[in-house]
Amino acid sequence: MSELLNTPISVTCPRCGEKVEATLGDVQGEHRVTCPNGHAIKLKPKNDSLKKVEKALEGLERAVGEGHVHFKVNVTQRERE
């Protein structure tokens, strides 16, 4: 499994607006996190994009050989307007 799932993200609590730290793996696994004010937030991917990206990265890793090439993917979330 790629390191993609270890990518940290910041989630905004829909009830109070506090920020909560999580990972993309938490989102894919549909885990629950708790904001500093005690509100439970169920993380859920909006679509299957994360799985597609992870599968593509795994294919790339296999294509270039076992452990010969290392790369890092940074994922950012745009703020809604």
N, C-alpha and C. Protein backbone atom coordinates (compact mmCIF):
# COMPACT_ATOMS: atom_id res chain seq x y z
N MET A 1 0.85 -1.18 0.00
CA MET A 1 0.00 0.00 0.00
C MET A 1 0.89 1.24 0.00
N SER A 2 0.52 2.21 -0.76
CA SER A 2 1.33 3.41 -0.88
C SER A 2 1.23 4.29 0.37
N GLU A 3 2.14 5.23 0.44
CA GLU A 3 2.15 6.18 1.55
C GLU A 3 1.05 7.23 1.42
N LEU A 4 0.31 7.20 0.34
CA LEU A 4 -0.75 8.18 0.10
C LEU A 4 -1.73 8.24 1.28
N LEU A 5 -2.05 7.10 1.83
CA LEU A 5 -3.04 7.06 2.91
C LEU A 5 -2.54 7.70 4.20
N ASN A 6 -1.21 7.90 4.31
CA ASN A 6 -0.65 8.56 5.49
C ASN A 6 -0.62 10.08 5.36
N THR A 7 -1.09 10.60 4.23
CA THR A 7 -1.08 12.04 4.00
C THR A 7 -2.00 12.74 5.00
N PRO A 8 -1.46 13.70 5.76
CA PRO A 8 -2.30 14.41 6.73
C PRO A 8 -3.24 15.40 6.05
N ILE A 9 -4.42 15.54 6.61
CA ILE A 9 -5.40 16.51 6.13
C ILE A 9 -6.01 17.22 7.33
N SER A 10 -6.63 18.34 7.08
CA SER A 10 -7.34 19.08 8.11
C SER A 10 -8.82 19.07 7.75
N VAL A 11 -9.65 18.68 8.71
CA VAL A 11 -11.09 18.59 8.51
C VAL A 11 -11.75 19.65 9.38
N THR A 12 -12.75 20.33 8.83
CA THR A 12 -13.50 21.33 9.59
C THR A 12 -14.77 20.70 10.13
N CYS A 13 -14.99 20.86 11.43
CA CYS A 13 -16.20 20.34 12.05
C CYS A 13 -17.41 21.09 11.49
N PRO A 14 -18.40 20.36 10.97
CA PRO A 14 -19.57 21.04 10.41
C PRO A 14 -20.46 21.70 11.47
N ARG A 15 -20.30 21.32 12.74
CA ARG A 15 -21.14 21.89 13.79
C ARG A 15 -20.56 23.17 14.39
N CYS A 16 -19.22 23.19 14.59
CA CYS A 16 -18.64 24.35 15.29
C CYS A 16 -17.52 25.05 14.52
N GLY A 17 -17.05 24.44 13.43
CA GLY A 17 -16.01 25.06 12.63
C GLY A 17 -14.58 24.82 13.10
N GLU A 18 -14.40 24.07 14.18
CA GLU A 18 -13.05 23.75 14.67
C GLU A 18 -12.36 22.82 13.68
N LYS A 19 -11.03 22.92 13.63
CA LYS A 19 -10.23 22.07 12.76
C LYS A 19 -9.83 20.79 13.48
N VAL A 20 -9.82 19.68 12.74
CA VAL A 20 -9.43 18.38 13.26
C VAL A 20 -8.41 17.79 12.28
N GLU A 21 -7.33 17.23 12.80
CA GLU A 21 -6.33 16.59 11.95
C GLU A 21 -6.71 15.13 11.73
N ALA A 22 -6.52 14.66 10.51
CA ALA A 22 -6.80 13.28 10.14
C ALA A 22 -5.85 12.92 9.01
N THR A 23 -6.02 11.73 8.43
CA THR A 23 -5.24 11.32 7.27
C THR A 23 -6.18 10.89 6.16
N LEU A 24 -5.64 10.79 4.95
CA LEU A 24 -6.46 10.29 3.85
C LEU A 24 -6.91 8.85 4.12
N GLY A 25 -6.10 8.09 4.86
CA GLY A 25 -6.49 6.74 5.25
C GLY A 25 -7.71 6.75 6.16
N ASP A 26 -7.81 7.76 7.03
CA ASP A 26 -9.00 7.90 7.87
C ASP A 26 -10.24 8.12 7.02
N VAL A 27 -10.09 8.92 5.97
CA VAL A 27 -11.22 9.19 5.08
C VAL A 27 -11.61 7.92 4.33
N GLN A 28 -10.62 7.25 3.74
CA GLN A 28 -10.91 6.03 2.98
C GLN A 28 -11.54 4.97 3.87
N GLY A 29 -11.07 4.87 5.11
CA GLY A 29 -11.62 3.89 6.04
C GLY A 29 -12.92 4.31 6.69
N GLU A 30 -13.39 5.51 6.34
CA GLU A 30 -14.63 6.07 6.90
C GLU A 30 -14.61 6.06 8.43
N HIS A 31 -13.47 6.49 8.98
CA HIS A 31 -13.32 6.56 10.43
C HIS A 31 -14.08 7.76 11.01
N ARG A 32 -14.25 7.74 12.31
CA ARG A 32 -14.81 8.87 13.04
C ARG A 32 -13.68 9.59 13.75
N VAL A 33 -13.72 10.92 13.72
CA VAL A 33 -12.79 11.74 14.49
C VAL A 33 -13.63 12.66 15.37
N THR A 34 -13.01 13.19 16.40
CA THR A 34 -13.73 14.08 17.32
C THR A 34 -13.04 15.43 17.34
N CYS A 35 -13.82 16.49 17.19
CA CYS A 35 -13.27 17.84 17.21
C CYS A 35 -12.95 18.23 18.66
N PRO A 36 -12.20 19.31 18.87
CA PRO A 36 -11.86 19.73 20.23
C PRO A 36 -13.08 20.00 21.12
N ASN A 37 -14.23 20.28 20.52
CA ASN A 37 -15.45 20.53 21.30
C ASN A 37 -16.29 19.27 21.52
N GLY A 38 -15.75 18.11 21.12
CA GLY A 38 -16.42 16.83 21.40
C GLY A 38 -17.40 16.37 20.34
N HIS A 39 -17.50 17.06 19.22
CA HIS A 39 -18.42 16.63 18.16
C HIS A 39 -17.80 15.51 17.33
N ALA A 40 -18.55 14.43 17.13
CA ALA A 40 -18.07 13.32 16.31
C ALA A 40 -18.27 13.66 14.83
N ILE A 41 -17.25 13.39 14.03
CA ILE A 41 -17.31 13.66 12.60
C ILE A 41 -17.04 12.35 11.88
N LYS A 42 -17.99 11.88 11.09
CA LYS A 42 -17.82 10.66 10.29
C LYS A 42 -17.16 11.06 8.98
N LEU A 43 -15.95 10.57 8.74
CA LEU A 43 -15.24 10.88 7.51
C LEU A 43 -15.69 9.92 6.42
N LYS A 44 -15.90 10.47 5.23
CA LYS A 44 -16.40 9.65 4.14
C LYS A 44 -15.91 10.23 2.82
N PRO A 45 -15.31 9.41 1.94
CA PRO A 45 -14.88 9.94 0.65
C PRO A 45 -16.09 10.33 -0.20
N LYS A 46 -15.95 11.41 -0.97
CA LYS A 46 -17.05 11.85 -1.83
C LYS A 46 -17.20 10.97 -3.06
N ASN A 47 -16.10 10.38 -3.50
CA ASN A 47 -16.13 9.49 -4.67
C ASN A 47 -14.97 8.52 -4.56
N ASP A 48 -14.67 7.81 -5.62
CA ASP A 48 -13.60 6.81 -5.56
C ASP A 48 -12.26 7.33 -6.08
N SER A 49 -12.08 8.65 -6.14
CA SER A 49 -10.85 9.23 -6.65
C SER A 49 -9.62 8.79 -5.87
N LEU A 50 -9.72 8.72 -4.56
CA LEU A 50 -8.59 8.33 -3.73
C LEU A 50 -8.14 6.91 -4.07
N LYS A 51 -9.07 6.00 -4.24
CA LYS A 51 -8.73 4.63 -4.60
C LYS A 51 -8.08 4.57 -5.98
N LYS A 52 -8.58 5.38 -6.91
CA LYS A 52 -8.00 5.40 -8.26
C LYS A 52 -6.58 5.92 -8.24
N VAL A 53 -6.32 6.98 -7.48
CA VAL A 53 -4.98 7.53 -7.39
C VAL A 53 -4.04 6.52 -6.74
N GLU A 54 -4.48 5.90 -5.67
CA GLU A 54 -3.64 4.92 -4.99
C GLU A 54 -3.31 3.75 -5.92
N LYS A 55 -4.29 3.27 -6.67
CA LYS A 55 -4.06 2.17 -7.60
C LYS A 55 -3.06 2.58 -8.69
N ALA A 56 -3.18 3.80 -9.20
CA ALA A 56 -2.25 4.29 -10.21
C ALA A 56 -0.84 4.39 -9.66
N LEU A 57 -0.70 4.87 -8.43
CA LEU A 57 0.62 4.97 -7.80
C LEU A 57 1.24 3.59 -7.58
N GLU A 58 0.43 2.63 -7.17
CA GLU A 58 0.94 1.28 -6.98
C GLU A 58 1.41 0.71 -8.31
N GLY A 59 0.66 0.96 -9.40
CA GLY A 59 1.07 0.51 -10.72
C GLY A 59 2.37 1.15 -11.16
N LEU A 60 2.53 2.42 -10.87
CA LEU A 60 3.77 3.13 -11.20
C LEU A 60 4.95 2.56 -10.43
N GLU A 61 4.74 2.29 -9.15
CA GLU A 61 5.80 1.71 -8.33
C GLU A 61 6.24 0.36 -8.90
N ARG A 62 5.29 -0.47 -9.32
CA ARG A 62 5.63 -1.77 -9.91
C ARG A 62 6.36 -1.59 -11.24
N ALA A 63 5.93 -0.60 -12.01
CA ALA A 63 6.51 -0.40 -13.35
C ALA A 63 7.97 0.04 -13.29
N VAL A 64 8.34 0.81 -12.30
CA VAL A 64 9.71 1.32 -12.24
C VAL A 64 10.63 0.39 -11.45
N GLY A 65 10.11 -0.64 -10.90
CA GLY A 65 10.95 -1.61 -10.19
C GLY A 65 10.75 -1.56 -8.69
N GLU A 66 11.25 -2.54 -8.07
CA GLU A 66 11.09 -2.69 -6.63
C GLU A 66 12.07 -1.80 -5.87
N GLY A 67 11.59 -0.70 -5.33
CA GLY A 67 12.39 0.15 -4.46
C GLY A 67 13.46 0.99 -5.13
N HIS A 68 13.46 1.10 -6.44
CA HIS A 68 14.49 1.87 -7.12
C HIS A 68 14.14 3.34 -7.26
N VAL A 69 12.87 3.65 -7.22
CA VAL A 69 12.44 5.04 -7.38
C VAL A 69 11.53 5.39 -6.20
N HIS A 70 11.81 6.53 -5.59
CA HIS A 70 10.98 7.00 -4.49
C HIS A 70 10.39 8.34 -4.88
N PHE A 71 9.15 8.55 -4.54
CA PHE A 71 8.51 9.82 -4.84
C PHE A 71 7.52 10.14 -3.74
N LYS A 72 7.17 11.40 -3.67
CA LYS A 72 6.25 11.88 -2.64
C LYS A 72 5.12 12.62 -3.33
N VAL A 73 3.91 12.40 -2.86
CA VAL A 73 2.75 13.08 -3.41
C VAL A 73 2.18 13.98 -2.32
N ASN A 74 2.03 15.24 -2.63
CA ASN A 74 1.40 16.18 -1.70
C ASN A 74 -0.02 16.44 -2.18
N VAL A 75 -0.97 16.26 -1.31
CA VAL A 75 -2.37 16.48 -1.63
C VAL A 75 -2.85 17.67 -0.82
N THR A 76 -3.44 18.64 -1.47
CA THR A 76 -3.97 19.80 -0.77
C THR A 76 -5.45 19.92 -1.06
N GLN A 77 -6.15 20.53 -0.15
CA GLN A 77 -7.57 20.75 -0.32
C GLN A 77 -7.81 22.22 -0.53
N ARG A 78 -8.55 22.54 -1.56
CA ARG A 78 -8.86 23.94 -1.82
C ARG A 78 -10.00 24.36 -0.91
N GLU A 79 -9.92 25.59 -0.46
CA GLU A 79 -11.00 26.17 0.34
C GLU A 79 -12.19 26.46 -0.55
N ARG A 80 -13.37 26.21 -0.04
CA ARG A 80 -14.59 26.53 -0.79
C ARG A 80 -14.85 28.02 -0.77
N GLU A 81 -15.37 28.50 -1.85
CA GLU A 81 -15.67 29.94 -1.93
C GLU A 81 -17.05 30.24 -1.40
